[in-house]
Amino acid sequence: MTYLQAKLHADTLRPNSISDEQKYSWLHELDGKMAELLHVDIPDMPEAPHDADLLVQPPVDNIYELYLIAMYDVYNQDTNLYAMDYQLYNTALEEAKSYIIRNSKPKDQKMWGVM
């Protein structure tokens, strides 16, 4: 999923007037958190984020649009929607973490008896 795809998905679900620059900043913030989980270097903010790929890919990439929607709620000071949307994001994030851990190879495969 690209920055643009995540933004478009979120905007379809929750139309808003927030700038694309702010949305890309929020996506980059989440990508930094995911980089730590994946033990990869935190990527620099792309110069053309609409074309850049986000770190987490299908089938668990819905975290990006759910995160954006929750951030829209914060921006609009809608605490009721935020509580619900942030819970949806947290559930998706836990599922993404579990998926990533299950499908990642350990760095030291000898430790796991794999040669």
PDB file of N, CA and C in Angstrom:
ATOM      1  N   MET A   1       0.843  -1.176   0.000  1.00  0.00           N
ATOM      2  CA  MET A   1       0.000   0.000   0.000  1.00  0.00           C
ATOM      3  C   MET A   1       0.889   1.240   0.000  1.00  0.00           C
ATOM      4  N   THR A   2       0.475   2.220  -0.741  1.00  0.00           N
ATOM      5  CA  THR A   2       1.208   3.480  -0.791  1.00  0.00           C
ATOM      6  C   THR A   2       0.561   4.489   0.156  1.00  0.00           C
ATOM      7  N   TYR A   3       1.282   5.567   0.391  1.00  0.00           N
ATOM      8  CA  TYR A   3       0.727   6.658   1.190  1.00  0.00           C
ATOM      9  C   TYR A   3      -0.597   7.121   0.584  1.00  0.00           C
ATOM     10  N   LEU A   4      -0.612   7.289  -0.731  1.00  0.00           N
ATOM     11  CA  LEU A   4      -1.812   7.782  -1.404  1.00  0.00           C
ATOM     12  C   LEU A   4      -2.978   6.810  -1.239  1.00  0.00           C
ATOM     13  N   GLN A   5      -2.728   5.520  -1.402  1.00  0.00           N
ATOM     14  CA  GLN A   5      -3.800   4.538  -1.262  1.00  0.00           C
ATOM     15  C   GLN A   5      -4.390   4.567   0.149  1.00  0.00           C
ATOM     16  N   ALA A   6      -3.536   4.644   1.152  1.00  0.00           N
ATOM     17  CA  ALA A   6      -4.022   4.691   2.540  1.00  0.00           C
ATOM     18  C   ALA A   6      -4.866   5.937   2.759  1.00  0.00           C
ATOM     19  N   LYS A   7      -4.395   7.066   2.247  1.00  0.00           N
ATOM     20  CA  LYS A   7      -5.120   8.330   2.398  1.00  0.00           C
ATOM     21  C   LYS A   7      -6.476   8.259   1.698  1.00  0.00           C
ATOM     22  N   LEU A   8      -6.491   7.730   0.482  1.00  0.00           N
ATOM     23  CA  LEU A   8      -7.751   7.638  -0.265  1.00  0.00           C
ATOM     24  C   LEU A   8      -8.746   6.705   0.412  1.00  0.00           C
ATOM     25  N   HIS A   9      -8.263   5.576   0.932  1.00  0.00           N
ATOM     26  CA  HIS A   9      -9.158   4.649   1.642  1.00  0.00           C
ATOM     27  C   HIS A   9      -9.775   5.336   2.858  1.00  0.00           C
ATOM     28  N   ALA A  10      -8.934   6.015   3.646  1.00  0.00           N
ATOM     29  CA  ALA A  10      -9.428   6.701   4.844  1.00  0.00           C
ATOM     30  C   ALA A  10     -10.390   7.825   4.476  1.00  0.00           C
ATOM     31  N   ASP A  11     -10.049   8.578   3.440  1.00  0.00           N
ATOM     32  CA  ASP A  11     -10.904   9.695   3.023  1.00  0.00           C
ATOM     33  C   ASP A  11     -12.254   9.210   2.497  1.00  0.00           C
ATOM     34  N   THR A  12     -12.283   8.051   1.899  1.00  0.00           N
ATOM     35  CA  THR A  12     -13.544   7.483   1.422  1.00  0.00           C
ATOM     36  C   THR A  12     -14.435   7.116   2.612  1.00  0.00           C
ATOM     37  N   LEU A  13     -13.813   6.554   3.642  1.00  0.00           N
ATOM     38  CA  LEU A  13     -14.572   6.150   4.827  1.00  0.00           C
ATOM     39  C   LEU A  13     -14.967   7.331   5.701  1.00  0.00           C
ATOM     40  N   ARG A  14     -14.122   8.363   5.713  1.00  0.00           N
ATOM     41  CA  ARG A  14     -14.387   9.529   6.569  1.00  0.00           C
ATOM     42  C   ARG A  14     -13.976  10.796   5.836  1.00  0.00           C
ATOM     43  N   PRO A  15     -14.861  11.337   5.002  1.00  0.00           N
ATOM     44  CA  PRO A  15     -14.536  12.576   4.281  1.00  0.00           C
ATOM     45  C   PRO A  15     -14.138  13.683   5.262  1.00  0.00           C
ATOM     46  N   ASN A  16     -13.178  14.529   4.830  1.00  0.00           N
ATOM     47  CA  ASN A  16     -12.632  15.536   5.732  1.00  0.00           C
ATOM     48  C   ASN A  16     -11.962  16.639   4.925  1.00  0.00           C
ATOM     49  N   SER A  17     -11.514  17.665   5.632  1.00  0.00           N
ATOM     50  CA  SER A  17     -10.823  18.781   4.973  1.00  0.00           C
ATOM     51  C   SER A  17      -9.381  18.935   5.461  1.00  0.00           C
ATOM     52  N   ILE A  18      -8.824  17.900   6.035  1.00  0.00           N
ATOM     53  CA  ILE A  18      -7.453  17.932   6.548  1.00  0.00           C
ATOM     54  C   ILE A  18      -6.488  17.885   5.361  1.00  0.00           C
ATOM     55  N   SER A  19      -5.395  18.622   5.452  1.00  0.00           N
ATOM     56  CA  SER A  19      -4.447  18.698   4.338  1.00  0.00           C
ATOM     57  C   SER A  19      -3.768  17.354   4.095  1.00  0.00           C
ATOM     58  N   ASP A  20      -3.433  17.111   2.843  1.00  0.00           N
ATOM     59  CA  ASP A  20      -2.706  15.893   2.490  1.00  0.00           C
ATOM     60  C   ASP A  20      -1.360  15.859   3.210  1.00  0.00           C
ATOM     61  N   GLU A  21      -0.720  16.998   3.344  1.00  0.00           N
ATOM     62  CA  GLU A  21       0.577  17.060   4.027  1.00  0.00           C
ATOM     63  C   GLU A  21       0.461  16.532   5.457  1.00  0.00           C
ATOM     64  N   GLN A  22      -0.592  16.917   6.176  1.00  0.00           N
ATOM     65  CA  GLN A  22      -0.791  16.437   7.547  1.00  0.00           C
ATOM     66  C   GLN A  22      -1.056  14.933   7.557  1.00  0.00           C
ATOM     67  N   LYS A  23      -1.859  14.465   6.622  1.00  0.00           N
ATOM     68  CA  LYS A  23      -2.167  13.031   6.548  1.00  0.00           C
ATOM     69  C   LYS A  23      -0.900  12.219   6.285  1.00  0.00           C
ATOM     70  N   TYR A  24      -0.055  12.694   5.367  1.00  0.00           N
ATOM     71  CA  TYR A  24       1.190  11.986   5.073  1.00  0.00           C
ATOM     72  C   TYR A  24       2.120  12.011   6.272  1.00  0.00           C
ATOM     73  N   SER A  25       2.083  13.084   7.044  1.00  0.00           N
ATOM     74  CA  SER A  25       2.894  13.160   8.256  1.00  0.00           C
ATOM     75  C   SER A  25       2.441  12.112   9.272  1.00  0.00           C
ATOM     76  N   TRP A  26       1.138  11.957   9.444  1.00  0.00           N
ATOM     77  CA  TRP A  26       0.617  10.937  10.355  1.00  0.00           C
ATOM     78  C   TRP A  26       0.980   9.532   9.876  1.00  0.00           C
ATOM     79  N   LEU A  27       0.886   9.294   8.586  1.00  0.00           N
ATOM     80  CA  LEU A  27       1.255   7.981   8.049  1.00  0.00           C
ATOM     81  C   LEU A  27       2.739   7.699   8.271  1.00  0.00           C
ATOM     82  N   HIS A  28       3.553   8.707   8.085  1.00  0.00           N
ATOM     83  CA  HIS A  28       4.993   8.548   8.298  1.00  0.00           C
ATOM     84  C   HIS A  28       5.290   8.256   9.773  1.00  0.00           C
ATOM     85  N   GLU A  29       4.567   8.905  10.652  1.00  0.00           N
ATOM     86  CA  GLU A  29       4.708   8.654  12.090  1.00  0.00           C
ATOM     87  C   GLU A  29       4.422   7.183  12.401  1.00  0.00           C
ATOM     88  N   LEU A  30       3.328   6.663  11.860  1.00  0.00           N
ATOM     89  CA  LEU A  30       2.987   5.254  12.081  1.00  0.00           C
ATOM     90  C   LEU A  30       4.030   4.341  11.444  1.00  0.00           C
ATOM     91  N   ASP A  31       4.519   4.691  10.264  1.00  0.00           N
ATOM     92  CA  ASP A  31       5.549   3.883   9.611  1.00  0.00           C
ATOM     93  C   ASP A  31       6.816   3.816  10.475  1.00  0.00           C
ATOM     94  N   GLY A  32       7.144   4.901  11.163  1.00  0.00           N
ATOM     95  CA  GLY A  32       8.285   4.896  12.065  1.00  0.00           C
ATOM     96  C   GLY A  32       8.088   3.911  13.202  1.00  0.00           C
ATOM     97  N   LYS A  33       6.882   3.861  13.757  1.00  0.00           N
ATOM     98  CA  LYS A  33       6.576   2.897  14.822  1.00  0.00           C
ATOM     99  C   LYS A  33       6.670   1.471  14.298  1.00  0.00           C
ATOM    100  N   MET A  34       6.187   1.256  13.078  1.00  0.00           N
ATOM    101  CA  MET A  34       6.243  -0.085  12.498  1.00  0.00           C
ATOM    102  C   MET A  34       7.679  -0.477  12.165  1.00  0.00           C
ATOM    103  N   ALA A  35       8.502   0.470  11.783  1.00  0.00           N
ATOM    104  CA  ALA A  35       9.918   0.190  11.506  1.00  0.00           C
ATOM    105  C   ALA A  35      10.604  -0.349  12.753  1.00  0.00           C
ATOM    106  N   GLU A  36      10.280   0.216  13.901  1.00  0.00           N
ATOM    107  CA  GLU A  36      10.853  -0.277  15.156  1.00  0.00           C
ATOM    108  C   GLU A  36      10.426  -1.717  15.403  1.00  0.00           C
ATOM    109  N   LEU A  37       9.160  -2.016  15.178  1.00  0.00           N
ATOM    110  CA  LEU A  37       8.662  -3.383  15.359  1.00  0.00           C
ATOM    111  C   LEU A  37       9.349  -4.354  14.401  1.00  0.00           C
ATOM    112  N   LEU A  38       9.577  -3.915  13.187  1.00  0.00           N
ATOM    113  CA  LEU A  38      10.186  -4.765  12.162  1.00  0.00           C
ATOM    114  C   LEU A  38      11.711  -4.809  12.248  1.00  0.00           C
ATOM    115  N   HIS A  39      12.275  -4.018  13.165  1.00  0.00           N
ATOM    116  CA  HIS A  39      13.729  -3.943  13.339  1.00  0.00           C
ATOM    117  C   HIS A  39      14.426  -3.532  12.050  1.00  0.00           C
ATOM    118  N   VAL A  40      13.857  -2.512  11.415  1.00  0.00           N
ATOM    119  CA  VAL A  40      14.467  -1.933  10.223  1.00  0.00           C
ATOM    120  C   VAL A  40      14.697  -0.447  10.490  1.00  0.00           C
ATOM    121  N   ASP A  41      15.547   0.155   9.666  1.00  0.00           N
ATOM    122  CA  ASP A  41      15.796   1.582   9.815  1.00  0.00           C
ATOM    123  C   ASP A  41      14.509   2.357   9.570  1.00  0.00           C
ATOM    124  N   ILE A  42      14.315   3.381  10.374  1.00  0.00           N
ATOM    125  CA  ILE A  42      13.153   4.229  10.201  1.00  0.00           C
ATOM    126  C   ILE A  42      13.339   5.010   8.899  1.00  0.00           C
ATOM    127  N   PRO A  43      12.399   4.875   7.989  1.00  0.00           N
ATOM    128  CA  PRO A  43      12.560   5.537   6.689  1.00  0.00           C
ATOM    129  C   PRO A  43      12.441   7.052   6.805  1.00  0.00           C
ATOM    130  N   ASP A  44      13.141   7.748   5.931  1.00  0.00           N
ATOM    131  CA  ASP A  44      12.968   9.196   5.833  1.00  0.00           C
ATOM    132  C   ASP A  44      11.621   9.470   5.185  1.00  0.00           C
ATOM    133  N   MET A  45      11.089  10.631   5.467  1.00  0.00           N
ATOM    134  CA  MET A  45       9.841  11.030   4.821  1.00  0.00           C
ATOM    135  C   MET A  45      10.117  11.186   3.332  1.00  0.00           C
ATOM    136  N   PRO A  46       9.405  10.443   2.485  1.00  0.00           N
ATOM    137  CA  PRO A  46       9.640  10.546   1.044  1.00  0.00           C
ATOM    138  C   PRO A  46       9.306  11.940   0.523  1.00  0.00           C
ATOM    139  N   GLU A  47      10.049  12.370  -0.493  1.00  0.00           N
ATOM    140  CA  GLU A  47       9.773  13.674  -1.095  1.00  0.00           C
ATOM    141  C   GLU A  47       8.429  13.674  -1.815  1.00  0.00           C
ATOM    142  N   ALA A  48       8.087  12.559  -2.400  1.00  0.00           N
ATOM    143  CA  ALA A  48       6.786  12.415  -3.069  1.00  0.00           C
ATOM    144  C   ALA A  48       6.044  11.261  -2.390  1.00  0.00           C
ATOM    145  N   PRO A  49       5.475  11.511  -1.198  1.00  0.00           N
ATOM    146  CA  PRO A  49       4.900  10.404  -0.426  1.00  0.00           C
ATOM    147  C   PRO A  49       3.746   9.699  -1.107  1.00  0.00           C
ATOM    148  N   HIS A  50       3.017  10.384  -1.994  1.00  0.00           N
ATOM    149  CA  HIS A  50       1.866   9.732  -2.617  1.00  0.00           C
ATOM    150  C   HIS A  50       2.271   8.497  -3.420  1.00  0.00           C
ATOM    151  N   ASP A  51       3.517   8.447  -3.896  1.00  0.00           N
ATOM    152  CA  ASP A  51       3.983   7.290  -4.664  1.00  0.00           C
ATOM    153  C   ASP A  51       4.726   6.260  -3.820  1.00  0.00           C
ATOM    154  N   ALA A  52       5.099   6.622  -2.602  1.00  0.00           N
ATOM    155  CA  ALA A  52       5.960   5.768  -1.780  1.00  0.00           C
ATOM    156  C   ALA A  52       5.166   4.661  -1.099  1.00  0.00           C
ATOM    157  N   ASP A  53       5.806   3.490  -1.005  1.00  0.00           N
ATOM    158  CA  ASP A  53       5.198   2.361  -0.304  1.00  0.00           C
ATOM    159  C   ASP A  53       5.359   2.520   1.200  1.00  0.00           C
ATOM    160  N   LEU A  54       4.339   2.111   1.924  1.00  0.00           N
ATOM    161  CA  LEU A  54       4.410   2.027   3.372  1.00  0.00           C
ATOM    162  C   LEU A  54       5.040   0.686   3.743  1.00  0.00           C
ATOM    163  N   LEU A  55       5.558   0.573   4.949  1.00  0.00           N
ATOM    164  CA  LEU A  55       6.293  -0.639   5.328  1.00  0.00           C
ATOM    165  C   LEU A  55       5.417  -1.878   5.431  1.00  0.00           C
ATOM    166  N   VAL A  56       4.264  -1.745   6.042  1.00  0.00           N
ATOM    167  CA  VAL A  56       3.396  -2.903   6.271  1.00  0.00           C
ATOM    168  C   VAL A  56       2.525  -3.095   5.036  1.00  0.00           C
ATOM    169  N   GLN A  57       2.539  -4.299   4.531  1.00  0.00           N
ATOM    170  CA  GLN A  57       1.811  -4.615   3.301  1.00  0.00           C
ATOM    171  C   GLN A  57       0.690  -5.616   3.601  1.00  0.00           C
ATOM    172  N   PRO A  58      -0.157  -5.896   2.624  1.00  0.00           N
ATOM    173  CA  PRO A  58      -1.267  -6.830   2.835  1.00  0.00           C
ATOM    174  C   PRO A  58      -0.765  -8.156   3.400  1.00  0.00           C
ATOM    175  N   PRO A  59      -1.549  -8.802   4.181  1.00  0.00           N
ATOM    176  CA  PRO A  59      -2.968  -8.572   4.426  1.00  0.00           C
ATOM    177  C   PRO A  59      -3.269  -7.714   5.660  1.00  0.00           C
ATOM    178  N   VAL A  60      -2.268  -7.091   6.277  1.00  0.00           N
ATOM    179  CA  VAL A  60      -2.510  -6.354   7.522  1.00  0.00           C
ATOM    180  C   VAL A  60      -2.269  -4.845   7.382  1.00  0.00           C
ATOM    181  N   ASP A  61      -2.331  -4.338   6.171  1.00  0.00           N
ATOM    182  CA  ASP A  61      -2.030  -2.929   5.931  1.00  0.00           C
ATOM    183  C   ASP A  61      -3.195  -1.984   6.228  1.00  0.00           C
ATOM    184  N   ASN A  62      -4.340  -2.531   6.652  1.00  0.00           N
ATOM    185  CA  ASN A  62      -5.467  -1.667   7.001  1.00  0.00           C
ATOM    186  C   ASN A  62      -5.174  -0.809   8.231  1.00  0.00           C
ATOM    187  N   ILE A  63      -4.080  -1.085   8.932  1.00  0.00           N
ATOM    188  CA  ILE A  63      -3.727  -0.265  10.088  1.00  0.00           C
ATOM    189  C   ILE A  63      -3.557   1.196   9.708  1.00  0.00           C
ATOM    190  N   TYR A  64      -3.074   1.448   8.505  1.00  0.00           N
ATOM    191  CA  TYR A  64      -2.813   2.817   8.090  1.00  0.00           C
ATOM    192  C   TYR A  64      -4.101   3.628   7.945  1.00  0.00           C
ATOM    193  N   GLU A  65      -5.090   3.079   7.281  1.00  0.00           N
ATOM    194  CA  GLU A  65      -6.329   3.838   7.113  1.00  0.00           C
ATOM    195  C   GLU A  65      -7.065   3.976   8.439  1.00  0.00           C
ATOM    196  N   LEU A  66      -7.015   2.944   9.285  1.00  0.00           N
ATOM    197  CA  LEU A  66      -7.671   3.037  10.588  1.00  0.00           C
ATOM    198  C   LEU A  66      -6.974   4.061  11.487  1.00  0.00           C
ATOM    199  N   TYR A  67      -5.653   4.134  11.395  1.00  0.00           N
ATOM    200  CA  TYR A  67      -4.906   5.134  12.152  1.00  0.00           C
ATOM    201  C   TYR A  67      -5.270   6.539  11.677  1.00  0.00           C
ATOM    202  N   LEU A  68      -5.329   6.725  10.368  1.00  0.00           N
ATOM    203  CA  LEU A  68      -5.706   8.030   9.835  1.00  0.00           C
ATOM    204  C   LEU A  68      -7.094   8.451  10.309  1.00  0.00           C
ATOM    205  N   ILE A  69      -8.027   7.539  10.255  1.00  0.00           N
ATOM    206  CA  ILE A  69      -9.392   7.865  10.679  1.00  0.00           C
ATOM    207  C   ILE A  69      -9.405   8.289  12.149  1.00  0.00           C
ATOM    208  N   ALA A  70      -8.675   7.574  12.996  1.00  0.00           N
ATOM    209  CA  ALA A  70      -8.588   7.955  14.411  1.00  0.00           C
ATOM    210  C   ALA A  70      -7.957   9.337  14.562  1.00  0.00           C
ATOM    211  N   MET A  71      -6.946   9.624  13.757  1.00  0.00           N
ATOM    212  CA  MET A  71      -6.306  10.934  13.828  1.00  0.00           C
ATOM    213  C   MET A  71      -7.241  12.036  13.316  1.00  0.00           C
ATOM    214  N   TYR A  72      -8.084  11.720  12.349  1.00  0.00           N
ATOM    215  CA  TYR A  72      -9.080  12.692  11.897  1.00  0.00           C
ATOM    216  C   TYR A  72      -9.983  13.074  13.069  1.00  0.00           C
ATOM    217  N   ASP A  73     -10.367  12.061  13.873  1.00  0.00           N
ATOM    218  CA  ASP A  73     -11.227  12.306  15.030  1.00  0.00           C
ATOM    219  C   ASP A  73     -10.542  13.223  16.042  1.00  0.00           C
ATOM    220  N   VAL A  74      -9.250  12.995  16.288  1.00  0.00           N
ATOM    221  CA  VAL A  74      -8.497  13.861  17.201  1.00  0.00           C
ATOM    222  C   VAL A  74      -8.493  15.281  16.657  1.00  0.00           C
ATOM    223  N   TYR A  75      -8.179  15.402  15.397  1.00  0.00           N
ATOM    224  CA  TYR A  75      -8.110  16.710  14.739  1.00  0.00           C
ATOM    225  C   TYR A  75      -9.442  17.460  14.864  1.00  0.00           C
ATOM    226  N   ASN A  76     -10.535  16.718  14.710  1.00  0.00           N
ATOM    227  CA  ASN A  76     -11.865  17.317  14.767  1.00  0.00           C
ATOM    228  C   ASN A  76     -12.442  17.354  16.180  1.00  0.00           C
ATOM    229  N   GLN A  77     -11.662  16.943  17.168  1.00  0.00           N
ATOM    230  CA  GLN A  77     -12.055  16.941  18.577  1.00  0.00           C
ATOM    231  C   GLN A  77     -13.350  16.165  18.815  1.00  0.00           C
ATOM    232  N   ASP A  78     -13.478  15.043  18.143  1.00  0.00           N
ATOM    233  CA  ASP A  78     -14.652  14.191  18.304  1.00  0.00           C
ATOM    234  C   ASP A  78     -14.261  12.990  19.165  1.00  0.00           C
ATOM    235  N   THR A  79     -14.404  13.150  20.472  1.00  0.00           N
ATOM    236  CA  THR A  79     -13.919  12.124  21.397  1.00  0.00           C
ATOM    237  C   THR A  79     -14.722  10.830  21.309  1.00  0.00           C
ATOM    238  N   ASN A  80     -16.003  10.908  21.007  1.00  0.00           N
ATOM    239  CA  ASN A  80     -16.804   9.684  20.896  1.00  0.00           C
ATOM    240  C   ASN A  80     -16.346   8.833  19.722  1.00  0.00           C
ATOM    241  N   LEU A  81     -16.208   9.467  18.561  1.00  0.00           N
ATOM    242  CA  LEU A  81     -15.719   8.722  17.394  1.00  0.00           C
ATOM    243  C   LEU A  81     -14.289   8.242  17.613  1.00  0.00           C
ATOM    244  N   TYR A  82     -13.456   9.081  18.220  1.00  0.00           N
ATOM    245  CA  TYR A  82     -12.061   8.714  18.468  1.00  0.00           C
ATOM    246  C   TYR A  82     -11.968   7.446  19.304  1.00  0.00           C
ATOM    247  N   ALA A  83     -12.744   7.364  20.375  1.00  0.00           N
ATOM    248  CA  ALA A  83     -12.694   6.187  21.249  1.00  0.00           C
ATOM    249  C   ALA A  83     -13.007   4.916  20.464  1.00  0.00           C
ATOM    250  N   MET A  84     -14.026   4.982  19.643  1.00  0.00           N
ATOM    251  CA  MET A  84     -14.415   3.814  18.843  1.00  0.00           C
ATOM    252  C   MET A  84     -13.366   3.511  17.771  1.00  0.00           C
ATOM    253  N   ASP A  85     -12.953   4.540  17.035  1.00  0.00           N
ATOM    254  CA  ASP A  85     -12.013   4.331  15.934  1.00  0.00           C
ATOM    255  C   ASP A  85     -10.630   3.924  16.429  1.00  0.00           C
ATOM    256  N   TYR A  86     -10.200   4.464  17.574  1.00  0.00           N
ATOM    257  CA  TYR A  86      -8.889   4.088  18.097  1.00  0.00           C
ATOM    258  C   TYR A  86      -8.903   2.633  18.563  1.00  0.00           C
ATOM    259  N   GLN A  87     -10.027   2.170  19.082  1.00  0.00           N
ATOM    260  CA  GLN A  87     -10.143   0.759  19.460  1.00  0.00           C
ATOM    261  C   GLN A  87     -10.047  -0.132  18.218  1.00  0.00           C
ATOM    262  N   LEU A  88     -10.698   0.270  17.133  1.00  0.00           N
ATOM    263  CA  LEU A  88     -10.596  -0.497  15.886  1.00  0.00           C
ATOM    264  C   LEU A  88      -9.145  -0.526  15.398  1.00  0.00           C
ATOM    265  N   TYR A  89      -8.471   0.620  15.463  1.00  0.00           N
ATOM    266  CA  TYR A  89      -7.064   0.688  15.066  1.00  0.00           C
ATOM    267  C   TYR A  89      -6.208  -0.218  15.957  1.00  0.00           C
ATOM    268  N   ASN A  90      -6.405  -0.142  17.275  1.00  0.00           N
ATOM    269  CA  ASN A  90      -5.605  -0.965  18.193  1.00  0.00           C
ATOM    270  C   ASN A  90      -5.792  -2.454  17.934  1.00  0.00           C
ATOM    271  N   THR A  91      -7.011  -2.865  17.659  1.00  0.00           N
ATOM    272  CA  THR A  91      -7.279  -4.273  17.347  1.00  0.00           C
ATOM    273  C   THR A  91      -6.540  -4.678  16.074  1.00  0.00           C
ATOM    274  N   ALA A  92      -6.619  -3.836  15.049  1.00  0.00           N
ATOM    275  CA  ALA A  92      -5.926  -4.119  13.789  1.00  0.00           C
ATOM    276  C   ALA A  92      -4.414  -4.110  13.980  1.00  0.00           C
ATOM    277  N   LEU A  93      -3.911  -3.217  14.827  1.00  0.00           N
ATOM    278  CA  LEU A  93      -2.477  -3.154  15.089  1.00  0.00           C
ATOM    279  C   LEU A  93      -1.997  -4.429  15.779  1.00  0.00           C
ATOM    280  N   GLU A  94      -2.739  -4.924  16.746  1.00  0.00           N
ATOM    281  CA  GLU A  94      -2.363  -6.173  17.425  1.00  0.00           C
ATOM    282  C   GLU A  94      -2.378  -7.349  16.449  1.00  0.00           C
ATOM    283  N   GLU A  95      -3.362  -7.369  15.570  1.00  0.00           N
ATOM    284  CA  GLU A  95      -3.415  -8.418  14.547  1.00  0.00           C
ATOM    285  C   GLU A  95      -2.220  -8.299  13.600  1.00  0.00           C
ATOM    286  N   ALA A  96      -1.859  -7.080  13.235  1.00  0.00           N
ATOM    287  CA  ALA A  96      -0.710  -6.868  12.349  1.00  0.00           C
ATOM    288  C   ALA A  96       0.572  -7.318  13.029  1.00  0.00           C
ATOM    289  N   LYS A  97       0.743  -6.957  14.293  1.00  0.00           N
ATOM    290  CA  LYS A  97       1.942  -7.367  15.034  1.00  0.00           C
ATOM    291  C   LYS A  97       2.042  -8.888  15.093  1.00  0.00           C
ATOM    292  N   SER A  98       0.934  -9.535  15.412  1.00  0.00           N
ATOM    293  CA  SER A  98       0.933 -11.000  15.481  1.00  0.00           C
ATOM    294  C   SER A  98       1.281 -11.614  14.133  1.00  0.00           C
ATOM    295  N   TYR A  99       0.697 -11.079  13.079  1.00  0.00           N
ATOM    296  CA  TYR A  99       0.967 -11.585  11.731  1.00  0.00           C
ATOM    297  C   TYR A  99       2.446 -11.415  11.377  1.00  0.00           C
ATOM    298  N   ILE A 100       2.979 -10.241  11.671  1.00  0.00           N
ATOM    299  CA  ILE A 100       4.380  -9.963  11.348  1.00  0.00           C
ATOM    300  C   ILE A 100       5.301 -10.898  12.126  1.00  0.00           C
ATOM    301  N   ILE A 101       5.031 -11.082  13.399  1.00  0.00           N
ATOM    302  CA  ILE A 101       5.869 -11.966  14.225  1.00  0.00           C
ATOM    303  C   ILE A 101       5.784 -13.400  13.721  1.00  0.00           C
ATOM    304  N   ARG A 102       4.580 -13.852  13.393  1.00  0.00           N
ATOM    305  CA  ARG A 102       4.415 -15.229  12.902  1.00  0.00           C
ATOM    306  C   ARG A 102       5.126 -15.463  11.582  1.00  0.00           C
ATOM    307  N   ASN A 103       5.218 -14.436  10.755  1.00  0.00           N
ATOM    308  CA  ASN A 103       5.754 -14.602   9.412  1.00  0.00           C
ATOM    309  C   ASN A 103       7.151 -14.041   9.217  1.00  0.00           C
ATOM    310  N   SER A 104       7.816 -13.688  10.306  1.00  0.00           N
ATOM    311  CA  SER A 104       9.180 -13.168  10.223  1.00  0.00           C
ATOM    312  C   SER A 104      10.160 -14.274  10.588  1.00  0.00           C
ATOM    313  N   LYS A 105      11.269 -14.282   9.874  1.00  0.00           N
ATOM    314  CA  LYS A 105      12.328 -15.230  10.194  1.00  0.00           C
ATOM    315  C   LYS A 105      13.161 -14.656  11.336  1.00  0.00           C
ATOM    316  N   PRO A 106      13.516 -15.491  12.300  1.00  0.00           N
ATOM    317  CA  PRO A 106      14.385 -14.991  13.364  1.00  0.00           C
ATOM    318  C   PRO A 106      15.745 -14.600  12.804  1.00  0.00           C
ATOM    319  N   LYS A 107      16.353 -13.560  13.401  1.00  0.00           N
ATOM    320  CA  LYS A 107      17.663 -13.099  12.928  1.00  0.00           C
ATOM    321  C   LYS A 107      18.715 -14.182  13.097  1.00  0.00           C
ATOM    322  N   ASP A 108      18.678 -14.872  14.232  1.00  0.00           N
ATOM    323  CA  ASP A 108      19.653 -15.927  14.510  1.00  0.00           C
ATOM    324  C   ASP A 108      18.946 -17.270  14.380  1.00  0.00           C
ATOM    325  N   GLN A 109      18.957 -17.824  13.152  1.00  0.00           N
ATOM    326  CA  GLN A 109      18.222 -19.063  12.916  1.00  0.00           C
ATOM    327  C   GLN A 109      18.838 -20.248  13.642  1.00  0.00           C
ATOM    328  N   LYS A 110      20.114 -20.171  14.004  1.00  0.00           N
ATOM    329  CA  LYS A 110      20.731 -21.261  14.766  1.00  0.00           C
ATOM    330  C   LYS A 110      20.048 -21.427  16.101  1.00  0.00           C
ATOM    331  N   MET A 111      19.611 -20.313  16.656  1.00  0.00           N
ATOM    332  CA  MET A 111      18.939 -20.334  17.940  1.00  0.00           C
ATOM    333  C   MET A 111      17.673 -21.171  17.882  1.00  0.00           C
ATOM    334  N   TRP A 112      17.054 -21.257  16.718  1.00  0.00           N
ATOM    335  CA  TRP A 112      15.815 -21.992  16.547  1.00  0.00           C
ATOM    336  C   TRP A 112      16.029 -23.376  15.944  1.00  0.00           C
ATOM    337  N   GLY A 113      17.266 -23.801  15.869  1.00  0.00           N
ATOM    338  CA  GLY A 113      17.563 -25.115  15.350  1.00  0.00           C
ATOM    339  C   GLY A 113      17.496 -25.197  13.843  1.00  0.00           C
ATOM    340  N   VAL A 114      17.546 -24.079  13.151  1.00  0.00           N
ATOM    341  CA  VAL A 114      17.511 -24.061  11.690  1.00  0.00           C
ATOM    342  C   VAL A 114      18.913 -23.762  11.199  1.00  0.00           C
ATOM    343  N   MET A 115      19.416 -24.574  10.345  1.00  0.00           N
ATOM    344  CA  MET A 115      20.792 -24.373   9.826  1.00  0.00           C
ATOM    345  C   MET A 115      20.752 -23.948   8.391  1.00  0.00           C
TER     346      MET A 115
END
